[in-house]
PDB file of N, CA and C in Angstrom:
ATOM      1  N   MET A   1      72.662-170.123 -59.257  1.00  0.00           N
ATOM      2  CA  MET A   1      73.455-171.028 -60.064  1.00  0.00           C
ATOM      3  C   MET A   1      74.584-171.575 -59.199  1.00  0.00           C
ATOM      4  N   THR A   2      74.701-172.858 -59.110  1.00  0.00           N
ATOM      5  CA  THR A   2      75.740-173.482 -58.316  1.00  0.00           C
ATOM      6  C   THR A   2      76.846-173.979 -59.229  1.00  0.00           C
ATOM      7  N   PHE A   3      78.057-173.572 -58.930  1.00  0.00           N
ATOM      8  CA  PHE A   3      79.197-173.969 -59.734  1.00  0.00           C
ATOM      9  C   PHE A   3      79.841-175.205 -59.148  1.00  0.00           C
ATOM     10  N   HIS A   4      80.361-176.054 -59.990  1.00  0.00           N
ATOM     11  CA  HIS A   4      81.049-177.250 -59.551  1.00  0.00           C
ATOM     12  C   HIS A   4      82.543-177.140 -59.817  1.00  0.00           C
ATOM     13  N   ASN A   5      83.003-175.966 -60.133  1.00  0.00           N
ATOM     14  CA  ASN A   5      84.395-175.758 -60.479  1.00  0.00           C
ATOM     15  C   ASN A   5      84.906-174.558 -59.698  1.00  0.00           C
ATOM     16  N   HIS A   6      85.972-174.735 -58.948  1.00  0.00           N
ATOM     17  CA  HIS A   6      86.509-173.636 -58.152  1.00  0.00           C
ATOM     18  C   HIS A   6      86.948-172.461 -59.015  1.00  0.00           C
ATOM     19  N   ASN A   7      87.357-172.721 -60.231  1.00  0.00           N
ATOM     20  CA  ASN A   7      87.861-171.660 -61.096  1.00  0.00           C
ATOM     21  C   ASN A   7      86.758-170.868 -61.774  1.00  0.00           C
ATOM     22  N   ALA A   8      85.521-171.091 -61.385  1.00  0.00           N
ATOM     23  CA  ALA A   8      84.395-170.435 -62.038  1.00  0.00           C
ATOM     24  C   ALA A   8      84.143-169.019 -61.515  1.00  0.00           C
ATOM     25  N   TYR A   9      84.820-168.608 -60.448  1.00  0.00           N
ATOM     26  CA  TYR A   9      84.549-167.294 -59.861  1.00  0.00           C
ATOM     27  C   TYR A   9      84.613-166.160 -60.884  1.00  0.00           C
ATOM     28  N   PRO A  10      85.611-166.113 -61.757  1.00  0.00           N
ATOM     29  CA  PRO A  10      85.653-165.014 -62.741  1.00  0.00           C
ATOM     30  C   PRO A  10      84.462-165.010 -63.702  1.00  0.00           C
ATOM     31  N   LEU A  11      83.759-166.126 -63.812  1.00  0.00           N
ATOM     32  CA  LEU A  11      82.613-166.209 -64.716  1.00  0.00           C
ATOM     33  C   LEU A  11      81.311-165.759 -64.071  1.00  0.00           C
ATOM     34  N   CYS A  12      81.333-165.490 -62.777  1.00  0.00           N
ATOM     35  CA  CYS A  12      80.113-165.085 -62.068  1.00  0.00           C
ATOM     36  C   CYS A  12      79.615-163.757 -62.609  1.00  0.00           C
ATOM     37  N   ARG A  13      78.317-163.710 -62.887  1.00  0.00           N
ATOM     38  CA  ARG A  13      77.736-162.515 -63.486  1.00  0.00           C
ATOM     39  C   ARG A  13      77.152-161.558 -62.470  1.00  0.00           C
ATOM     40  N   ASN A  14      76.895-162.032 -61.253  1.00  0.00           N
ATOM     41  CA  ASN A  14      76.319-161.150 -60.237  1.00  0.00           C
ATOM     42  C   ASN A  14      76.748-161.616 -58.850  1.00  0.00           C
ATOM     43  N   ARG A  15      76.361-160.856 -57.839  1.00  0.00           N
ATOM     44  CA  ARG A  15      76.789-161.148 -56.474  1.00  0.00           C
ATOM     45  C   ARG A  15      76.282-162.500 -55.994  1.00  0.00           C
ATOM     46  N   GLN A  16      75.060-162.863 -56.333  1.00  0.00           N
ATOM     47  CA  GLN A  16      74.505-164.141 -55.878  1.00  0.00           C
ATOM     48  C   GLN A  16      75.337-165.315 -56.398  1.00  0.00           C
ATOM     49  N   GLU A  17      75.755-165.245 -57.627  1.00  0.00           N
ATOM     50  CA  GLU A  17      76.593-166.311 -58.178  1.00  0.00           C
ATOM     51  C   GLU A  17      77.956-166.349 -57.490  1.00  0.00           C
ATOM     52  N   GLN A  18      78.486-165.174 -57.122  1.00  0.00           N
ATOM     53  CA  GLN A  18      79.750-165.126 -56.390  1.00  0.00           C
ATOM     54  C   GLN A  18      79.598-165.781 -55.023  1.00  0.00           C
ATOM     55  N   VAL A  19      78.493-165.478 -54.339  1.00  0.00           N
ATOM     56  CA  VAL A  19      78.224-166.065 -53.023  1.00  0.00           C
ATOM     57  C   VAL A  19      78.147-167.584 -53.143  1.00  0.00           C
ATOM     58  N   GLU A  20      77.410-168.074 -54.128  1.00  0.00           N
ATOM     59  CA  GLU A  20      77.255-169.513 -54.310  1.00  0.00           C
ATOM     60  C   GLU A  20      78.585-170.181 -54.661  1.00  0.00           C
ATOM     61  N   CYS A  21      79.380-169.528 -55.474  1.00  0.00           N
ATOM     62  CA  CYS A  21      80.673-170.080 -55.871  1.00  0.00           C
ATOM     63  C   CYS A  21      81.599-170.209 -54.661  1.00  0.00           C
ATOM     64  N   VAL A  22      81.689-169.155 -53.855  1.00  0.00           N
ATOM     65  CA  VAL A  22      82.538-169.192 -52.666  1.00  0.00           C
ATOM     66  C   VAL A  22      81.973-170.189 -51.650  1.00  0.00           C
ATOM     67  N   GLY A  23      80.651-170.220 -51.502  1.00  0.00           N
ATOM     68  CA  GLY A  23      80.024-171.170 -50.581  1.00  0.00           C
ATOM     69  C   GLY A  23      80.305-172.613 -50.970  1.00  0.00           C
ATOM     70  N   GLU A  24      80.232-172.923 -52.255  1.00  0.00           N
ATOM     71  CA  GLU A  24      80.533-174.282 -52.716  1.00  0.00           C
ATOM     72  C   GLU A  24      82.007-174.615 -52.492  1.00  0.00           C
ATOM     73  N   ALA A  25      82.879-173.638 -52.683  1.00  0.00           N
ATOM     74  CA  ALA A  25      84.304-173.868 -52.420  1.00  0.00           C
ATOM     75  C   ALA A  25      84.522-174.147 -50.938  1.00  0.00           C
ATOM     76  N   MET A  26      83.813-173.430 -50.065  1.00  0.00           N
ATOM     77  CA  MET A  26      83.914-173.680 -48.622  1.00  0.00           C
ATOM     78  C   MET A  26      83.498-175.113 -48.301  1.00  0.00           C
ATOM     79  N   ARG A  27      82.426-175.559 -48.921  1.00  0.00           N
ATOM     80  CA  ARG A  27      81.955-176.926 -48.681  1.00  0.00           C
ATOM     81  C   ARG A  27      82.966-177.952 -49.166  1.00  0.00           C
ATOM     82  N   ARG A  28      83.535-177.729 -50.335  1.00  0.00           N
ATOM     83  CA  ARG A  28      84.491-178.692 -50.887  1.00  0.00           C
ATOM     84  C   ARG A  28      85.788-178.750 -50.087  1.00  0.00           C
ATOM     85  N   LEU A  29      86.245-177.583 -49.634  1.00  0.00           N
ATOM     86  CA  LEU A  29      87.488-177.553 -48.864  1.00  0.00           C
ATOM     87  C   LEU A  29      87.282-178.100 -47.454  1.00  0.00           C
ATOM     88  N   GLY A  30      86.060-178.052 -46.977  1.00  0.00           N
ATOM     89  CA  GLY A  30      85.738-178.655 -45.688  1.00  0.00           C
ATOM     90  C   GLY A  30      85.974-177.743 -44.503  1.00  0.00           C
ATOM     91  N   GLU A  31      85.595-178.275 -43.355  1.00  0.00           N
ATOM     92  CA  GLU A  31      85.728-177.520 -42.120  1.00  0.00           C
ATOM     93  C   GLU A  31      87.205-177.237 -41.868  1.00  0.00           C
ATOM     94  N   GLY A  32      87.489-176.041 -41.448  1.00  0.00           N
ATOM     95  CA  GLY A  32      88.867-175.661 -41.187  1.00  0.00           C
ATOM     96  C   GLY A  32      89.547-174.988 -42.368  1.00  0.00           C
ATOM     97  N   CYS A  33      88.812-174.775 -43.468  1.00  0.00           N
ATOM     98  CA  CYS A  33      89.439-174.085 -44.595  1.00  0.00           C
ATOM     99  C   CYS A  33      89.721-172.642 -44.186  1.00  0.00           C
ATOM    100  N   THR A  34      90.810-172.121 -44.673  1.00  0.00           N
ATOM    101  CA  THR A  34      91.224-170.774 -44.295  1.00  0.00           C
ATOM    102  C   THR A  34      90.981-169.793 -45.440  1.00  0.00           C
ATOM    103  N   GLU A  35      91.151-168.536 -45.104  1.00  0.00           N
ATOM    104  CA  GLU A  35      91.006-167.489 -46.118  1.00  0.00           C
ATOM    105  C   GLU A  35      91.988-167.722 -47.259  1.00  0.00           C
ATOM    106  N   SER A  36      93.218-168.076 -46.912  1.00  0.00           N
ATOM    107  CA  SER A  36      94.212-168.297 -47.972  1.00  0.00           C
ATOM    108  C   SER A  36      93.867-169.528 -48.815  1.00  0.00           C
ATOM    109  N   ASP A  37      93.262-170.561 -48.204  1.00  0.00           N
ATOM    110  CA  ASP A  37      92.811-171.721 -48.987  1.00  0.00           C
ATOM    111  C   ASP A  37      91.795-171.282 -50.039  1.00  0.00           C
ATOM    112  N   LEU A  38      90.835-170.476 -49.611  1.00  0.00           N
ATOM    113  CA  LEU A  38      89.790-170.009 -50.532  1.00  0.00           C
ATOM    114  C   LEU A  38      90.373-169.115 -51.619  1.00  0.00           C
ATOM    115  N   LYS A  39      91.241-168.189 -51.225  1.00  0.00           N
ATOM    116  CA  LYS A  39      91.840-167.285 -52.211  1.00  0.00           C
ATOM    117  C   LYS A  39      92.661-168.054 -53.236  1.00  0.00           C
ATOM    118  N   ASN A  40      93.422-169.035 -52.770  1.00  0.00           N
ATOM    119  CA  ASN A  40      94.254-169.816 -53.690  1.00  0.00           C
ATOM    120  C   ASN A  40      93.422-170.691 -54.613  1.00  0.00           C
ATOM    121  N   SER A  41      92.378-171.312 -54.079  1.00  0.00           N
ATOM    122  CA  SER A  41      91.592-172.222 -54.915  1.00  0.00           C
ATOM    123  C   SER A  41      90.711-171.475 -55.908  1.00  0.00           C
ATOM    124  N   LEU A  42      90.263-170.279 -55.534  1.00  0.00           N
ATOM    125  CA  LEU A  42      89.382-169.514 -56.417  1.00  0.00           C
ATOM    126  C   LEU A  42      90.130-168.482 -57.255  1.00  0.00           C
ATOM    127  N   GLY A  43      91.343-168.149 -56.842  1.00  0.00           N
ATOM    128  CA  GLY A  43      92.105-167.133 -57.561  1.00  0.00           C
ATOM    129  C   GLY A  43      91.529-165.741 -57.387  1.00  0.00           C
ATOM    130  N   ILE A  44      91.113-165.424 -56.152  1.00  0.00           N
ATOM    131  CA  ILE A  44      90.516-164.117 -55.876  1.00  0.00           C
ATOM    132  C   ILE A  44      91.332-163.381 -54.825  1.00  0.00           C
ATOM    133  N   THR A  45      91.052-162.097 -54.674  1.00  0.00           N
ATOM    134  CA  THR A  45      91.760-161.268 -53.706  1.00  0.00           C
ATOM    135  C   THR A  45      91.029-161.276 -52.365  1.00  0.00           C
ATOM    136  N   SER A  46      91.695-160.771 -51.339  1.00  0.00           N
ATOM    137  CA  SER A  46      91.074-160.667 -50.014  1.00  0.00           C
ATOM    138  C   SER A  46      89.842-159.786 -50.061  1.00  0.00           C
ATOM    139  N   SER A  47      89.926-158.714 -50.811  1.00  0.00           N
ATOM    140  CA  SER A  47      88.801-157.790 -50.928  1.00  0.00           C
ATOM    141  C   SER A  47      87.583-158.473 -51.549  1.00  0.00           C
ATOM    142  N   GLU A  48      87.800-159.237 -52.624  1.00  0.00           N
ATOM    143  CA  GLU A  48      86.693-159.956 -53.265  1.00  0.00           C
ATOM    144  C   GLU A  48      86.093-160.989 -52.322  1.00  0.00           C
ATOM    145  N   LEU A  49      86.946-161.673 -51.579  1.00  0.00           N
ATOM    146  CA  LEU A  49      86.462-162.678 -50.635  1.00  0.00           C
ATOM    147  C   LEU A  49      85.683-162.033 -49.498  1.00  0.00           C
ATOM    148  N   ASN A  50      86.200-160.941 -48.962  1.00  0.00           N
ATOM    149  CA  ASN A  50      85.529-160.272 -47.842  1.00  0.00           C
ATOM    150  C   ASN A  50      84.166-159.714 -48.232  1.00  0.00           C
ATOM    151  N   ASP A  51      83.990-159.363 -49.496  1.00  0.00           N
ATOM    152  CA  ASP A  51      82.704-158.835 -49.960  1.00  0.00           C
ATOM    153  C   ASP A  51      81.580-159.860 -49.847  1.00  0.00           C
ATOM    154  N   VAL A  52      81.906-161.144 -49.986  1.00  0.00           N
ATOM    155  CA  VAL A  52      80.861-162.176 -50.004  1.00  0.00           C
ATOM    156  C   VAL A  52      81.004-163.221 -48.900  1.00  0.00           C
ATOM    157  N   ALA A  53      82.018-163.112 -48.063  1.00  0.00           N
ATOM    158  CA  ALA A  53      82.341-164.172 -47.100  1.00  0.00           C
ATOM    159  C   ALA A  53      81.189-164.530 -46.168  1.00  0.00           C
ATOM    160  N   ASP A  54      80.540-163.542 -45.566  1.00  0.00           N
ATOM    161  CA  ASP A  54      79.473-163.841 -44.604  1.00  0.00           C
ATOM    162  C   ASP A  54      78.292-164.540 -45.269  1.00  0.00           C
ATOM    163  N   ASP A  55      77.881-164.033 -46.411  1.00  0.00           N
ATOM    164  CA  ASP A  55      76.763-164.659 -47.123  1.00  0.00           C
ATOM    165  C   ASP A  55      77.152-166.039 -47.652  1.00  0.00           C
ATOM    166  N   ALA A  56      78.398-166.188 -48.088  1.00  0.00           N
ATOM    167  CA  ALA A  56      78.862-167.482 -48.592  1.00  0.00           C
ATOM    168  C   ALA A  56      78.903-168.508 -47.462  1.00  0.00           C
ATOM    169  N   ARG A  57      79.305-168.073 -46.280  1.00  0.00           N
ATOM    170  CA  ARG A  57      79.328-168.977 -45.126  1.00  0.00           C
ATOM    171  C   ARG A  57      77.918-169.446 -44.799  1.00  0.00           C
ATOM    172  N   ALA A  58      76.965-168.526 -44.818  1.00  0.00           N
ATOM    173  CA  ALA A  58      75.568-168.883 -44.557  1.00  0.00           C
ATOM    174  C   ALA A  58      75.053-169.835 -45.632  1.00  0.00           C
ATOM    175  N   TYR A  59      75.408-169.582 -46.874  1.00  0.00           N
ATOM    176  CA  TYR A  59      75.004-170.462 -47.977  1.00  0.00           C
ATOM    177  C   TYR A  59      75.581-171.866 -47.777  1.00  0.00           C
ATOM    178  N   ALA A  60      76.862-171.943 -47.411  1.00  0.00           N
ATOM    179  CA  ALA A  60      77.522-173.239 -47.238  1.00  0.00           C
ATOM    180  C   ALA A  60      76.879-174.042 -46.114  1.00  0.00           C
ATOM    181  N   VAL A  61      76.549-173.368 -45.019  1.00  0.00           N
ATOM    182  CA  VAL A  61      75.906-174.061 -43.897  1.00  0.00           C
ATOM    183  C   VAL A  61      74.531-174.561 -44.310  1.00  0.00           C
ATOM    184  N   ALA A  62      73.757-173.703 -44.954  1.00  0.00           N
ATOM    185  CA  ALA A  62      72.411-174.099 -45.383  1.00  0.00           C
ATOM    186  C   ALA A  62      72.475-175.252 -46.385  1.00  0.00           C
ATOM    187  N   ALA A  63      73.399-175.193 -47.316  1.00  0.00           N
ATOM    188  CA  ALA A  63      73.518-176.246 -48.326  1.00  0.00           C
ATOM    189  C   ALA A  63      73.990-177.561 -47.709  1.00  0.00           C
ATOM    190  N   SER A  64      74.781-177.474 -46.654  1.00  0.00           N
ATOM    191  CA  SER A  64      75.294-178.687 -46.016  1.00  0.00           C
ATOM    192  C   SER A  64      74.269-179.352 -45.114  1.00  0.00           C
ATOM    193  N   THR A  65      73.319-178.588 -44.626  1.00  0.00           N
ATOM    194  CA  THR A  65      72.344-179.153 -43.691  1.00  0.00           C
ATOM    195  C   THR A  65      71.044-179.553 -44.368  1.00  0.00           C
ATOM    196  N   TYR A  66      70.887-179.240 -45.634  1.00  0.00           N
ATOM    197  CA  TYR A  66      69.669-179.588 -46.363  1.00  0.00           C
ATOM    198  C   TYR A  66      69.761-181.030 -46.835  1.00  0.00           C
ATOM    199  N   GLN A  67      68.717-181.786 -46.593  1.00  0.00           N
ATOM    200  CA  GLN A  67      68.677-183.167 -47.069  1.00  0.00           C
ATOM    201  C   GLN A  67      67.516-183.323 -48.027  1.00  0.00           C
ATOM    202  N   ARG A  68      67.810-183.796 -49.199  1.00  0.00           N
ATOM    203  CA  ARG A  68      66.768-184.018 -50.193  1.00  0.00           C
ATOM    204  C   ARG A  68      66.117-185.368 -49.913  1.00  0.00           C
ATOM    205  N   ARG A  69      64.829-185.358 -49.775  1.00  0.00           N
ATOM    206  CA  ARG A  69      64.078-186.594 -49.531  1.00  0.00           C
ATOM    207  C   ARG A  69      63.548-187.111 -50.863  1.00  0.00           C
ATOM    208  N   VAL A  70      63.749-188.369 -51.090  1.00  0.00           N
ATOM    209  CA  VAL A  70      63.270-188.986 -52.319  1.00  0.00           C
ATOM    210  C   VAL A  70      62.332-190.114 -51.942  1.00  0.00           C
ATOM    211  N   SER A  71      61.193-190.137 -52.582  1.00  0.00           N
ATOM    212  CA  SER A  71      60.264-191.221 -52.302  1.00  0.00           C
ATOM    213  C   SER A  71      60.374-192.255 -53.412  1.00  0.00           C
ATOM    214  N   VAL A  72      60.527-193.493 -53.008  1.00  0.00           N
ATOM    215  CA  VAL A  72      60.674-194.597 -53.952  1.00  0.00           C
ATOM    216  C   VAL A  72      59.524-195.567 -53.716  1.00  0.00           C
ATOM    217  N   PRO A  73      58.824-195.955 -54.767  1.00  0.00           N
ATOM    218  CA  PRO A  73      57.747-196.929 -54.591  1.00  0.00           C
ATOM    219  C   PRO A  73      58.277-198.215 -53.952  1.00  0.00           C
ATOM    220  N   ALA A  74      57.469-198.844 -53.115  1.00  0.00           N
ATOM    221  CA  ALA A  74      57.890-200.029 -52.365  1.00  0.00           C
ATOM    222  C   ALA A  74      58.418-201.139 -53.273  1.00  0.00           C
ATOM    223  N   LYS A  75      57.821-201.322 -54.424  1.00  0.00           N
ATOM    224  CA  LYS A  75      58.269-202.383 -55.335  1.00  0.00           C
ATOM    225  C   LYS A  75      59.698-202.143 -55.825  1.00  0.00           C
ATOM    226  N   ARG A  76      60.049-200.883 -56.020  1.00  0.00           N
ATOM    227  CA  ARG A  76      61.394-200.555 -56.511  1.00  0.00           C
ATOM    228  C   ARG A  76      62.407-200.518 -55.381  1.00  0.00           C
ATOM    229  N   ALA A  77      61.954-200.245 -54.152  1.00  0.00           N
ATOM    230  CA  ALA A  77      62.863-200.115 -53.023  1.00  0.00           C
ATOM    231  C   ALA A  77      63.441-201.463 -52.606  1.00  0.00           C
ATOM    232  N   ALA A  78      62.730-202.527 -52.845  1.00  0.00           N
ATOM    233  CA  ALA A  78      63.169-203.858 -52.395  1.00  0.00           C
ATOM    234  C   ALA A  78      64.190-204.460 -53.265  1.00  0.00           C
TER     235      ALA A  78
END
């Protein structure tokens, strides 16, 4: 489940949702975001962030490098 709201971290029901939430926050804050940026935007502690940081970083990189390809019929593309 991908969250579109930084404040959604407390609503996460399992570790995977926490990873996705932190990963999406990393993407939104952009390159150069710091630990304190993430903690402030999500309202979490250092311990909570450290529990998911590595997996969230991997998620953010994978999500940023994935490109969705859409095929459009030639008549509609013109």
